Amino acid sequence: MGLVQMYESCFSQHGLHTAQVLLTHDDLSDRKRYLNARSTLRTLLSLGVIPIINENDTVVTDEIRFGDNLPKTRSGKIMRRLLRSLAKGEEITADISTLDNPAILEQLKQAVV
C-alpha cells in the first residue's frame, strides 16, 4: 500500500477523504501560483477533504527542504507519524518543534473531529 493510500485508508475510518496535492518551491514563492495553491487548499478543506501535500518530485531538480531545513525524508516521516496519530484520534505527544508551523496540527485536529 502506498503512502497516499495509507492516508486515505486511515482518514476514511473517520468518514474523511484525502486528496494529494503536489507542489514545488516555485508554487509557493511565485505570488500568483501561491494564491492558486492556497485557493485550492481552502476549497478542499471547505469540502471536508484533507489535503495531503507532497513535493512534486517529477519537476524538481533541487531537493526542497521545509521547516527547520529538514530533509524531506525526515520531515515526511514525522508528518506520517503525526497524521497516523490524528487519524486514530490519539493525543500528539511527539516533539513538533521542528515543524515550520506547529499550529497546522490544531487545524488538522479540527478537520478530523
PDB file of N, CA and C in Angstrom:
ATOM      1  N   MET A   1       0.850  -1.164   0.000  1.00  0.00           N
ATOM      2  CA  MET A   1       0.000   0.000   0.000  1.00  0.00           C
ATOM      3  C   MET A   1       0.900   1.232   0.000  1.00  0.00           C
ATOM      4  N   GLY A   2       0.633   2.167  -0.894  1.00  0.00           N
ATOM      5  CA  GLY A   2       1.403   3.395  -0.974  1.00  0.00           C
ATOM      6  C   GLY A   2       1.020   4.372   0.119  1.00  0.00           C
ATOM      7  N   LEU A   3       1.843   5.386   0.265  1.00  0.00           N
ATOM      8  CA  LEU A   3       1.640   6.365   1.326  1.00  0.00           C
ATOM      9  C   LEU A   3       0.300   7.081   1.188  1.00  0.00           C
ATOM     10  N   VAL A   4      -0.054   7.526  -0.019  1.00  0.00           N
ATOM     11  CA  VAL A   4      -1.315   8.243  -0.213  1.00  0.00           C
ATOM     12  C   VAL A   4      -2.492   7.320   0.085  1.00  0.00           C
ATOM     13  N   GLN A   5      -2.392   6.054  -0.301  1.00  0.00           N
ATOM     14  CA  GLN A   5      -3.458   5.104   0.003  1.00  0.00           C
ATOM     15  C   GLN A   5      -3.566   4.882   1.513  1.00  0.00           C
ATOM     16  N   MET A   6      -2.421   4.911   2.208  1.00  0.00           N
ATOM     17  CA  MET A   6      -2.443   4.751   3.663  1.00  0.00           C
ATOM     18  C   MET A   6      -3.174   5.928   4.303  1.00  0.00           C
ATOM     19  N   TYR A   7      -2.885   7.155   3.843  1.00  0.00           N
ATOM     20  CA  TYR A   7      -3.606   8.314   4.365  1.00  0.00           C
ATOM     21  C   TYR A   7      -5.104   8.153   4.140  1.00  0.00           C
ATOM     22  N   GLU A   8      -5.489   7.811   2.919  1.00  0.00           N
ATOM     23  CA  GLU A   8      -6.910   7.670   2.596  1.00  0.00           C
ATOM     24  C   GLU A   8      -7.557   6.606   3.472  1.00  0.00           C
ATOM     25  N   SER A   9      -6.874   5.492   3.667  1.00  0.00           N
ATOM     26  CA  SER A   9      -7.405   4.407   4.480  1.00  0.00           C
ATOM     27  C   SER A   9      -7.598   4.845   5.937  1.00  0.00           C
ATOM     28  N   CYS A  10      -6.596   5.516   6.499  1.00  0.00           N
ATOM     29  CA  CYS A  10      -6.690   5.968   7.899  1.00  0.00           C
ATOM     30  C   CYS A  10      -7.806   6.988   8.079  1.00  0.00           C
ATOM     31  N   PHE A  11      -7.869   7.963   7.194  1.00  0.00           N
ATOM     32  CA  PHE A  11      -8.875   9.007   7.340  1.00  0.00           C
ATOM     33  C   PHE A  11     -10.283   8.490   7.014  1.00  0.00           C
ATOM     34  N   SER A  12     -10.385   7.520   6.105  1.00  0.00           N
ATOM     35  CA  SER A  12     -11.705   7.015   5.749  1.00  0.00           C
ATOM     36  C   SER A  12     -12.373   6.308   6.926  1.00  0.00           C
ATOM     37  N   GLN A  13     -11.570   5.813   7.871  1.00  0.00           N
ATOM     38  CA  GLN A  13     -12.124   5.189   9.076  1.00  0.00           C
ATOM     39  C   GLN A  13     -12.905   6.205   9.906  1.00  0.00           C
ATOM     40  N   HIS A  14     -12.676   7.485   9.642  1.00  0.00           N
ATOM     41  CA  HIS A  14     -13.376   8.558  10.344  1.00  0.00           C
ATOM     42  C   HIS A  14     -14.327   9.304   9.414  1.00  0.00           C
ATOM     43  N   GLY A  15     -14.608   8.690   8.259  1.00  0.00           N
ATOM     44  CA  GLY A  15     -15.536   9.291   7.312  1.00  0.00           C
ATOM     45  C   GLY A  15     -14.957  10.475   6.555  1.00  0.00           C
ATOM     46  N   LEU A  16     -13.631  10.564   6.500  1.00  0.00           N
ATOM     47  CA  LEU A  16     -12.981  11.686   5.831  1.00  0.00           C
ATOM     48  C   LEU A  16     -12.277  11.223   4.560  1.00  0.00           C
ATOM     49  N   HIS A  17     -12.176  12.122   3.609  1.00  0.00           N
ATOM     50  CA  HIS A  17     -11.471  11.848   2.366  1.00  0.00           C
ATOM     51  C   HIS A  17     -10.214  12.690   2.301  1.00  0.00           C
ATOM     52  N   THR A  18      -9.244  12.214   1.536  1.00  0.00           N
ATOM     53  CA  THR A  18      -7.993  12.942   1.343  1.00  0.00           C
ATOM     54  C   THR A  18      -7.793  13.205  -0.142  1.00  0.00           C
ATOM     55  N   ALA A  19      -6.925  14.166  -0.424  1.00  0.00           N
ATOM     56  CA  ALA A  19      -6.540  14.457  -1.801  1.00  0.00           C
ATOM     57  C   ALA A  19      -5.065  14.815  -1.805  1.00  0.00           C
ATOM     58  N   GLN A  20      -4.320  14.193  -2.692  1.00  0.00           N
ATOM     59  CA  GLN A  20      -2.903  14.507  -2.807  1.00  0.00           C
ATOM     60  C   GLN A  20      -2.738  15.795  -3.608  1.00  0.00           C
ATOM     61  N   VAL A  21      -1.928  16.707  -3.080  1.00  0.00           N
ATOM     62  CA  VAL A  21      -1.617  17.965  -3.753  1.00  0.00           C
ATOM     63  C   VAL A  21      -0.109  18.007  -3.929  1.00  0.00           C
ATOM     64  N   LEU A  22       0.340  18.099  -5.176  1.00  0.00           N
ATOM     65  CA  LEU A  22       1.763  18.148  -5.471  1.00  0.00           C
ATOM     66  C   LEU A  22       2.186  19.591  -5.682  1.00  0.00           C
ATOM     67  N   LEU A  23       3.172  20.036  -4.922  1.00  0.00           N
ATOM     68  CA  LEU A  23       3.655  21.411  -5.003  1.00  0.00           C
ATOM     69  C   LEU A  23       5.174  21.436  -5.136  1.00  0.00           C
ATOM     70  N   THR A  24       5.678  22.515  -5.696  1.00  0.00           N
ATOM     71  CA  THR A  24       7.114  22.750  -5.747  1.00  0.00           C
ATOM     72  C   THR A  24       7.409  24.057  -5.019  1.00  0.00           C
ATOM     73  N   HIS A  25       8.662  24.325  -4.801  1.00  0.00           N
ATOM     74  CA  HIS A  25       9.059  25.590  -4.182  1.00  0.00           C
ATOM     75  C   HIS A  25       8.551  26.762  -5.014  1.00  0.00           C
ATOM     76  N   ASP A  26       8.613  26.634  -6.333  1.00  0.00           N
ATOM     77  CA  ASP A  26       8.127  27.703  -7.217  1.00  0.00           C
ATOM     78  C   ASP A  26       6.638  27.978  -7.012  1.00  0.00           C
ATOM     79  N   ASP A  27       5.875  26.939  -6.689  1.00  0.00           N
ATOM     80  CA  ASP A  27       4.441  27.119  -6.450  1.00  0.00           C
ATOM     81  C   ASP A  27       4.191  27.994  -5.230  1.00  0.00           C
ATOM     82  N   LEU A  28       5.138  28.009  -4.313  1.00  0.00           N
ATOM     83  CA  LEU A  28       4.961  28.780  -3.089  1.00  0.00           C
ATOM     84  C   LEU A  28       5.679  30.124  -3.134  1.00  0.00           C
ATOM     85  N   SER A  29       6.697  30.245  -3.965  1.00  0.00           N
ATOM     86  CA  SER A  29       7.451  31.500  -3.998  1.00  0.00           C
ATOM     87  C   SER A  29       6.902  32.499  -5.020  1.00  0.00           C
ATOM     88  N   ASP A  30       6.207  32.018  -6.042  1.00  0.00           N
ATOM     89  CA  ASP A  30       5.573  32.902  -7.016  1.00  0.00           C
ATOM     90  C   ASP A  30       4.186  33.284  -6.489  1.00  0.00           C
ATOM     91  N   ARG A  31       3.921  34.578  -6.351  1.00  0.00           N
ATOM     92  CA  ARG A  31       2.689  35.060  -5.708  1.00  0.00           C
ATOM     93  C   ARG A  31       1.423  34.490  -6.358  1.00  0.00           C
ATOM     94  N   LYS A  32       1.329  34.551  -7.678  1.00  0.00           N
ATOM     95  CA  LYS A  32       0.125  34.072  -8.361  1.00  0.00           C
ATOM     96  C   LYS A  32      -0.067  32.569  -8.146  1.00  0.00           C
ATOM     97  N   ARG A  33       1.010  31.821  -8.263  1.00  0.00           N
ATOM     98  CA  ARG A  33       0.910  30.370  -8.071  1.00  0.00           C
ATOM     99  C   ARG A  33       0.592  30.038  -6.616  1.00  0.00           C
ATOM    100  N   TYR A  34       1.167  30.804  -5.690  1.00  0.00           N
ATOM    101  CA  TYR A  34       0.864  30.609  -4.271  1.00  0.00           C
ATOM    102  C   TYR A  34      -0.627  30.832  -4.007  1.00  0.00           C
ATOM    103  N   LEU A  35      -1.167  31.916  -4.554  1.00  0.00           N
ATOM    104  CA  LEU A  35      -2.588  32.209  -4.344  1.00  0.00           C
ATOM    105  C   LEU A  35      -3.465  31.116  -4.942  1.00  0.00           C
ATOM    106  N   ASN A  36      -3.076  30.574  -6.086  1.00  0.00           N
ATOM    107  CA  ASN A  36      -3.831  29.465  -6.689  1.00  0.00           C
ATOM    108  C   ASN A  36      -3.776  28.231  -5.792  1.00  0.00           C
ATOM    109  N   ALA A  37      -2.593  27.935  -5.279  1.00  0.00           N
ATOM    110  CA  ALA A  37      -2.445  26.770  -4.390  1.00  0.00           C
ATOM    111  C   ALA A  37      -3.262  26.971  -3.119  1.00  0.00           C
ATOM    112  N   ARG A  38      -3.202  28.168  -2.553  1.00  0.00           N
ATOM    113  CA  ARG A  38      -3.967  28.467  -1.341  1.00  0.00           C
ATOM    114  C   ARG A  38      -5.464  28.319  -1.589  1.00  0.00           C
ATOM    115  N   SER A  39      -5.923  28.809  -2.721  1.00  0.00           N
ATOM    116  CA  SER A  39      -7.344  28.690  -3.064  1.00  0.00           C
ATOM    117  C   SER A  39      -7.748  27.221  -3.183  1.00  0.00           C
ATOM    118  N   THR A  40      -6.912  26.437  -3.811  1.00  0.00           N
ATOM    119  CA  THR A  40      -7.192  25.005  -3.950  1.00  0.00           C
ATOM    120  C   THR A  40      -7.279  24.335  -2.585  1.00  0.00           C
ATOM    121  N   LEU A  41      -6.318  24.640  -1.703  1.00  0.00           N
ATOM    122  CA  LEU A  41      -6.311  24.036  -0.370  1.00  0.00           C
ATOM    123  C   LEU A  41      -7.536  24.455   0.431  1.00  0.00           C
ATOM    124  N   ARG A  42      -7.898  25.713   0.346  1.00  0.00           N
ATOM    125  CA  ARG A  42      -9.087  26.183   1.061  1.00  0.00           C
ATOM    126  C   ARG A  42     -10.355  25.518   0.533  1.00  0.00           C
ATOM    127  N   THR A  43     -10.433  25.339  -0.773  1.00  0.00           N
ATOM    128  CA  THR A  43     -11.595  24.684  -1.359  1.00  0.00           C
ATOM    129  C   THR A  43     -11.689  23.238  -0.883  1.00  0.00           C
ATOM    130  N   LEU A  44     -10.554  22.534  -0.900  1.00  0.00           N
ATOM    131  CA  LEU A  44     -10.557  21.152  -0.417  1.00  0.00           C
ATOM    132  C   LEU A  44     -11.031  21.089   1.029  1.00  0.00           C
ATOM    133  N   LEU A  45     -10.499  21.957   1.874  1.00  0.00           N
ATOM    134  CA  LEU A  45     -10.893  21.963   3.282  1.00  0.00           C
ATOM    135  C   LEU A  45     -12.374  22.295   3.443  1.00  0.00           C
ATOM    136  N   SER A  46     -12.872  23.230   2.635  1.00  0.00           N
ATOM    137  CA  SER A  46     -14.300  23.590   2.736  1.00  0.00           C
ATOM    138  C   SER A  46     -15.197  22.428   2.316  1.00  0.00           C
ATOM    139  N   LEU A  47     -14.667  21.536   1.494  1.00  0.00           N
ATOM    140  CA  LEU A  47     -15.417  20.356   1.072  1.00  0.00           C
ATOM    141  C   LEU A  47     -15.223  19.176   2.032  1.00  0.00           C
ATOM    142  N   GLY A  48     -14.463  19.412   3.101  1.00  0.00           N
ATOM    143  CA  GLY A  48     -14.221  18.345   4.072  1.00  0.00           C
ATOM    144  C   GLY A  48     -13.157  17.367   3.646  1.00  0.00           C
ATOM    145  N   VAL A  49     -12.337  17.757   2.687  1.00  0.00           N
ATOM    146  CA  VAL A  49     -11.270  16.891   2.185  1.00  0.00           C
ATOM    147  C   VAL A  49      -9.947  17.325   2.818  1.00  0.00           C
ATOM    148  N   ILE A  50      -9.198  16.361   3.336  1.00  0.00           N
ATOM    149  CA  ILE A  50      -7.905  16.645   3.956  1.00  0.00           C
ATOM    150  C   ILE A  50      -6.834  16.630   2.865  1.00  0.00           C
ATOM    151  N   PRO A  51      -6.190  17.781   2.599  1.00  0.00           N
ATOM    152  CA  PRO A  51      -5.137  17.786   1.577  1.00  0.00           C
ATOM    153  C   PRO A  51      -3.859  17.137   2.109  1.00  0.00           C
ATOM    154  N   ILE A  52      -3.306  16.249   1.318  1.00  0.00           N
ATOM    155  CA  ILE A  52      -2.014  15.628   1.620  1.00  0.00           C
ATOM    156  C   ILE A  52      -1.016  16.274   0.672  1.00  0.00           C
ATOM    157  N   ILE A  53      -0.167  17.113   1.214  1.00  0.00           N
ATOM    158  CA  ILE A  53       0.742  17.906   0.385  1.00  0.00           C
ATOM    159  C   ILE A  53       2.083  17.200   0.270  1.00  0.00           C
ATOM    160  N   ASN A  54       2.504  16.993  -0.958  1.00  0.00           N
ATOM    161  CA  ASN A  54       3.786  16.365  -1.242  1.00  0.00           C
ATOM    162  C   ASN A  54       4.568  17.221  -2.216  1.00  0.00           C
ATOM    163  N   GLU A  55       5.869  17.035  -2.185  1.00  0.00           N
ATOM    164  CA  GLU A  55       6.729  17.692  -3.153  1.00  0.00           C
ATOM    165  C   GLU A  55       6.541  17.024  -4.509  1.00  0.00           C
ATOM    166  N   ASN A  56       6.416  17.825  -5.545  1.00  0.00           N
ATOM    167  CA  ASN A  56       6.278  17.294  -6.898  1.00  0.00           C
ATOM    168  C   ASN A  56       7.673  16.933  -7.415  1.00  0.00           C
ATOM    169  N   ASP A  57       8.140  15.739  -7.052  1.00  0.00           N
ATOM    170  CA  ASP A  57       9.490  15.283  -7.393  1.00  0.00           C
ATOM    171  C   ASP A  57       9.750  15.212  -8.891  1.00  0.00           C
ATOM    172  N   THR A  58       8.721  15.065  -9.676  1.00  0.00           N
ATOM    173  CA  THR A  58       8.944  14.869 -11.106  1.00  0.00           C
ATOM    174  C   THR A  58       9.437  16.119 -11.805  1.00  0.00           C
ATOM    175  N   VAL A  59       9.252  17.294 -11.200  1.00  0.00           N
ATOM    176  CA  VAL A  59       9.697  18.525 -11.853  1.00  0.00           C
ATOM    177  C   VAL A  59      10.740  19.280 -11.037  1.00  0.00           C
ATOM    178  N   VAL A  60      11.113  18.754  -9.873  1.00  0.00           N
ATOM    179  CA  VAL A  60      12.062  19.451  -9.015  1.00  0.00           C
ATOM    180  C   VAL A  60      13.472  18.948  -9.294  1.00  0.00           C
ATOM    181  N   THR A  61      14.392  19.879  -9.423  1.00  0.00           N
ATOM    182  CA  THR A  61      15.780  19.481  -9.656  1.00  0.00           C
ATOM    183  C   THR A  61      16.618  19.602  -8.401  1.00  0.00           C
ATOM    184  N   ASP A  62      16.241  20.472  -7.485  1.00  0.00           N
ATOM    185  CA  ASP A  62      16.942  20.606  -6.202  1.00  0.00           C
ATOM    186  C   ASP A  62      16.034  20.084  -5.112  1.00  0.00           C
ATOM    187  N   GLU A  63      16.637  19.450  -4.112  1.00  0.00           N
ATOM    188  CA  GLU A  63      15.814  18.962  -3.003  1.00  0.00           C
ATOM    189  C   GLU A  63      15.285  20.148  -2.225  1.00  0.00           C
ATOM    190  N   ILE A  64      13.980  20.162  -1.998  1.00  0.00           N
ATOM    191  CA  ILE A  64      13.339  21.234  -1.249  1.00  0.00           C
ATOM    192  C   ILE A  64      13.300  20.828   0.206  1.00  0.00           C
ATOM    193  N   ARG A  65      13.594  21.760   1.052  1.00  0.00           N
ATOM    194  CA  ARG A  65      13.575  21.498   2.482  1.00  0.00           C
ATOM    195  C   ARG A  65      12.592  22.453   3.128  1.00  0.00           C
ATOM    196  N   PHE A  66      11.695  21.905   3.931  1.00  0.00           N
ATOM    197  CA  PHE A  66      10.711  22.698   4.648  1.00  0.00           C
ATOM    198  C   PHE A  66      11.018  22.644   6.137  1.00  0.00           C
ATOM    199  N   GLY A  67      10.510  23.620   6.846  1.00  0.00           N
ATOM    200  CA  GLY A  67      10.702  23.641   8.284  1.00  0.00           C
ATOM    201  C   GLY A  67      12.133  23.997   8.617  1.00  0.00           C
ATOM    202  N   ASP A  68      12.661  23.338   9.610  1.00  0.00           N
ATOM    203  CA  ASP A  68      13.983  23.643  10.115  1.00  0.00           C
ATOM    204  C   ASP A  68      15.050  23.034   9.210  1.00  0.00           C
ATOM    205  N   ASN A  69      14.889  23.217   7.899  1.00  0.00           N
ATOM    206  CA  ASN A  69      15.804  22.668   6.892  1.00  0.00           C
ATOM    207  C   ASN A  69      16.000  21.160   7.031  1.00  0.00           C
ATOM    208  N   LEU A  70      14.919  20.483   7.393  1.00  0.00           N
ATOM    209  CA  LEU A  70      14.977  19.027   7.479  1.00  0.00           C
ATOM    210  C   LEU A  70      14.852  18.431   6.089  1.00  0.00           C
ATOM    211  N   PRO A  71      15.593  17.372   5.796  1.00  0.00           N
ATOM    212  CA  PRO A  71      15.385  16.695   4.506  1.00  0.00           C
ATOM    213  C   PRO A  71      13.960  16.170   4.432  1.00  0.00           C
ATOM    214  N   LYS A  72      13.422  16.118   3.243  1.00  0.00           N
ATOM    215  CA  LYS A  72      12.023  15.722   3.107  1.00  0.00           C
ATOM    216  C   LYS A  72      11.773  14.320   3.662  1.00  0.00           C
ATOM    217  N   THR A  73      12.761  13.443   3.640  1.00  0.00           N
ATOM    218  CA  THR A  73      12.541  12.099   4.163  1.00  0.00           C
ATOM    219  C   THR A  73      12.293  12.128   5.673  1.00  0.00           C
ATOM    220  N   ARG A  74      13.035  12.935   6.389  1.00  0.00           N
ATOM    221  CA  ARG A  74      12.849  13.038   7.844  1.00  0.00           C
ATOM    222  C   ARG A  74      11.530  13.744   8.165  1.00  0.00           C
ATOM    223  N   SER A  75      11.277  14.865   7.507  1.00  0.00           N
ATOM    224  CA  SER A  75      10.042  15.584   7.797  1.00  0.00           C
ATOM    225  C   SER A  75       8.831  14.779   7.346  1.00  0.00           C
ATOM    226  N   GLY A  76       8.977  14.037   6.252  1.00  0.00           N
ATOM    227  CA  GLY A  76       7.885  13.169   5.813  1.00  0.00           C
ATOM    228  C   GLY A  76       7.573  12.104   6.832  1.00  0.00           C
ATOM    229  N   LYS A  77       8.612  11.542   7.432  1.00  0.00           N
ATOM    230  CA  LYS A  77       8.423  10.522   8.462  1.00  0.00           C
ATOM    231  C   LYS A  77       7.701  11.117   9.669  1.00  0.00           C
ATOM    232  N   ILE A  78       8.099  12.322  10.067  1.00  0.00           N
ATOM    233  CA  ILE A  78       7.452  12.986  11.198  1.00  0.00           C
ATOM    234  C   ILE A  78       5.984  13.237  10.879  1.00  0.00           C
ATOM    235  N   MET A  79       5.715  13.771   9.681  1.00  0.00           N
ATOM    236  CA  MET A  79       4.333  14.087   9.318  1.00  0.00           C
ATOM    237  C   MET A  79       3.487  12.822   9.212  1.00  0.00           C
ATOM    238  N   ARG A  80       4.041  11.747   8.671  1.00  0.00           N
ATOM    239  CA  ARG A  80       3.283  10.491   8.611  1.00  0.00           C
ATOM    240  C   ARG A  80       2.889  10.032  10.010  1.00  0.00           C
ATOM    241  N   ARG A  81       3.836  10.118  10.949  1.00  0.00           N
ATOM    242  CA  ARG A  81       3.565   9.704  12.320  1.00  0.00           C
ATOM    243  C   ARG A  81       2.464  10.571  12.939  1.00  0.00           C
ATOM    244  N   LEU A  82       2.554  11.871  12.716  1.00  0.00           N
ATOM    245  CA  LEU A  82       1.545  12.781  13.266  1.00  0.00           C
ATOM    246  C   LEU A  82       0.176  12.526  12.648  1.00  0.00           C
ATOM    247  N   LEU A  83       0.131  12.331  11.333  1.00  0.00           N
ATOM    248  CA  LEU A  83      -1.150  12.085  10.671  1.00  0.00           C
ATOM    249  C   LEU A  83      -1.774  10.768  11.121  1.00  0.00           C
ATOM    250  N   ARG A  84      -0.944   9.750  11.301  1.00  0.00           N
ATOM    251  CA  ARG A  84      -1.473   8.476  11.805  1.00  0.00           C
ATOM    252  C   ARG A  84      -2.111   8.679  13.178  1.00  0.00           C
ATOM    253  N   SER A  85      -1.419   9.408  14.051  1.00  0.00           N
ATOM    254  CA  SER A  85      -1.947   9.656  15.391  1.00  0.00           C
ATOM    255  C   SER A  85      -3.259  10.425  15.327  1.00  0.00           C
ATOM    256  N   LEU A  86      -3.304  11.456  14.474  1.00  0.00           N
ATOM    257  CA  LEU A  86      -4.542  12.228  14.333  1.00  0.00           C
ATOM    258  C   LEU A  86      -5.676  11.353  13.810  1.00  0.00           C
ATOM    259  N   ALA A  87      -5.376  10.531  12.804  1.00  0.00           N
ATOM    260  CA  ALA A  87      -6.414   9.680  12.211  1.00  0.00           C
ATOM    261  C   ALA A  87      -6.961   8.678  13.214  1.00  0.00           C
ATOM    262  N   LYS A  88      -6.116   8.238  14.138  1.00  0.00           N
ATOM    263  CA  LYS A  88      -6.542   7.284  15.159  1.00  0.00           C
ATOM    264  C   LYS A  88      -7.173   7.973  16.364  1.00  0.00           C
ATOM    265  N   GLY A  89      -7.159   9.309  16.375  1.00  0.00           N
ATOM    266  CA  GLY A  89      -7.714  10.042  17.495  1.00  0.00           C
ATOM    267  C   GLY A  89      -6.810  10.067  18.712  1.00  0.00           C
ATOM    268  N   GLU A  90      -5.537   9.768  18.505  1.00  0.00           N
ATOM    269  CA  GLU A  90      -4.582   9.749  19.614  1.00  0.00           C
ATOM    270  C   GLU A  90      -4.076  11.157  19.908  1.00  0.00           C
ATOM    271  N   GLU A  91      -3.650  11.350  21.138  1.00  0.00           N
ATOM    272  CA  GLU A  91      -3.049  12.625  21.539  1.00  0.00           C
ATOM    273  C   GLU A  91      -1.643  12.718  20.940  1.00  0.00           C
ATOM    274  N   ILE A  92      -1.283  13.903  20.466  1.00  0.00           N
ATOM    275  CA  ILE A  92       0.047  14.109  19.894  1.00  0.00           C
ATOM    276  C   ILE A  92       1.023  14.330  21.043  1.00  0.00           C
ATOM    277  N   THR A  93       1.944  13.393  21.208  1.00  0.00           N
ATOM    278  CA  THR A  93       2.940  13.507  22.270  1.00  0.00           C
ATOM    279  C   THR A  93       4.344  13.682  21.703  1.00  0.00           C
ATOM    280  N   ALA A  94       4.485  13.577  20.386  1.00  0.00           N
ATOM    281  CA  ALA A  94       5.796  13.704  19.749  1.00  0.00           C
ATOM    282  C   ALA A  94       6.252  15.151  19.738  1.00  0.00           C
ATOM    283  N   ASP A  95       7.545  15.341  19.632  1.00  0.00           N
ATOM    284  CA  ASP A  95       8.128  16.680  19.534  1.00  0.00           C
ATOM    285  C   ASP A  95       7.733  17.280  18.188  1.00  0.00           C
ATOM    286  N   ILE A  96       7.059  18.412  18.211  1.00  0.00           N
ATOM    287  CA  ILE A  96       6.634  19.070  16.975  1.00  0.00           C
ATOM    288  C   ILE A  96       7.394  20.379  16.748  1.00  0.00           C
ATOM    289  N   SER A  97       8.461  20.586  17.510  1.00  0.00           N
ATOM    290  CA  SER A  97       9.204  21.843  17.420  1.00  0.00           C
ATOM    291  C   SER A  97       9.879  22.032  16.071  1.00  0.00           C
ATOM    292  N   THR A  98      10.086  20.942  15.318  1.00  0.00           N
ATOM    293  CA  THR A  98      10.739  21.079  14.019  1.00  0.00           C
ATOM    294  C   THR A  98       9.764  21.413  12.896  1.00  0.00           C
ATOM    295  N   LEU A  99       8.470  21.402  13.181  1.00  0.00           N
ATOM    296  CA  LEU A  99       7.502  21.759  12.149  1.00  0.00           C
ATOM    297  C   LEU A  99       7.580  23.247  11.862  1.00  0.00           C
ATOM    298  N   ASP A 100       7.491  23.599  10.596  1.00  0.00           N
ATOM    299  CA  ASP A 100       7.542  25.002  10.202  1.00  0.00           C
ATOM    300  C   ASP A 100       6.399  25.782  10.834  1.00  0.00           C
ATOM    301  N   ASN A 101       5.211  25.154  10.926  1.00  0.00           N
ATOM    302  CA  ASN A 101       4.046  25.808  11.505  1.00  0.00           C
ATOM    303  C   ASN A 101       3.304  24.793  12.380  1.00  0.00           C
ATOM    304  N   PRO A 102       3.707  24.653  13.649  1.00  0.00           N
ATOM    305  CA  PRO A 102       3.050  23.679  14.526  1.00  0.00           C
ATOM    306  C   PRO A 102       1.550  23.913  14.686  1.00  0.00           C
ATOM    307  N   ALA A 103       1.081  25.132  14.440  1.00  0.00           N
ATOM    308  CA  ALA A 103      -0.352  25.430  14.570  1.00  0.00           C
ATOM    309  C   ALA A 103      -1.187  24.641  13.565  1.00  0.00           C
ATOM    310  N   ILE A 104      -0.571  24.150  12.508  1.00  0.00           N
ATOM    311  CA  ILE A 104      -1.315  23.385  11.494  1.00  0.00           C
ATOM    312  C   ILE A 104      -1.923  22.123  12.116  1.00  0.00           C
ATOM    313  N   LEU A 105      -1.293  21.598  13.157  1.00  0.00           N
ATOM    314  CA  LEU A 105      -1.838  20.403  13.805  1.00  0.00           C
ATOM    315  C   LEU A 105      -3.202  20.677  14.407  1.00  0.00           C
ATOM    316  N   GLU A 106      -3.379  21.845  14.989  1.00  0.00           N
ATOM    317  CA  GLU A 106      -4.677  22.200  15.558  1.00  0.00           C
ATOM    318  C   GLU A 106      -5.732  22.276  14.466  1.00  0.00           C
ATOM    319  N   GLN A 107      -5.364  22.828  13.314  1.00  0.00           N
ATOM    320  CA  GLN A 107      -6.302  22.910  12.186  1.00  0.00           C
ATOM    321  C   GLN A 107      -6.656  21.502  11.698  1.00  0.00           C
ATOM    322  N   LEU A 108      -5.673  20.617  11.642  1.00  0.00           N
ATOM    323  CA  LEU A 108      -5.939  19.247  11.219  1.00  0.00           C
ATOM    324  C   LEU A 108      -6.821  18.529  12.236  1.00  0.00           C
ATOM    325  N   LYS A 109      -6.571  18.763  13.520  1.00  0.00           N
ATOM    326  CA  LYS A 109      -7.418  18.160  14.562  1.00  0.00           C
ATOM    327  C   LYS A 109      -8.862  18.587  14.390  1.00  0.00           C
ATOM    328  N   GLN A 110      -9.075  19.866  14.130  1.00  0.00           N
ATOM    329  CA  GLN A 110     -10.424  20.378  13.937  1.00  0.00           C
ATOM    330  C   GLN A 110     -11.074  19.731  12.712  1.00  0.00           C
ATOM    331  N   ALA A 111     -10.307  19.507  11.667  1.00  0.00           N
ATOM    332  CA  ALA A 111     -10.840  18.894  10.456  1.00  0.00           C
ATOM    333  C   ALA A 111     -11.219  17.436  10.680  1.00  0.00           C
ATOM    334  N   VAL A 112     -10.451  16.761  11.545  1.00  0.00           N
ATOM    335  CA  VAL A 112     -10.696  15.343  11.808  1.00  0.00           C
ATOM    336  C   VAL A 112     -11.895  15.164  12.712  1.00  0.00           C
ATOM    337  N   VAL A 113     -12.130  16.090  13.631  1.00  0.00           N
ATOM    338  CA  VAL A 113     -13.227  15.963  14.607  1.00  0.00           C
ATOM    339  C   VAL A 113     -14.562  16.113  13.967  1.00  0.00           C
TER     340      VAL A 113
END
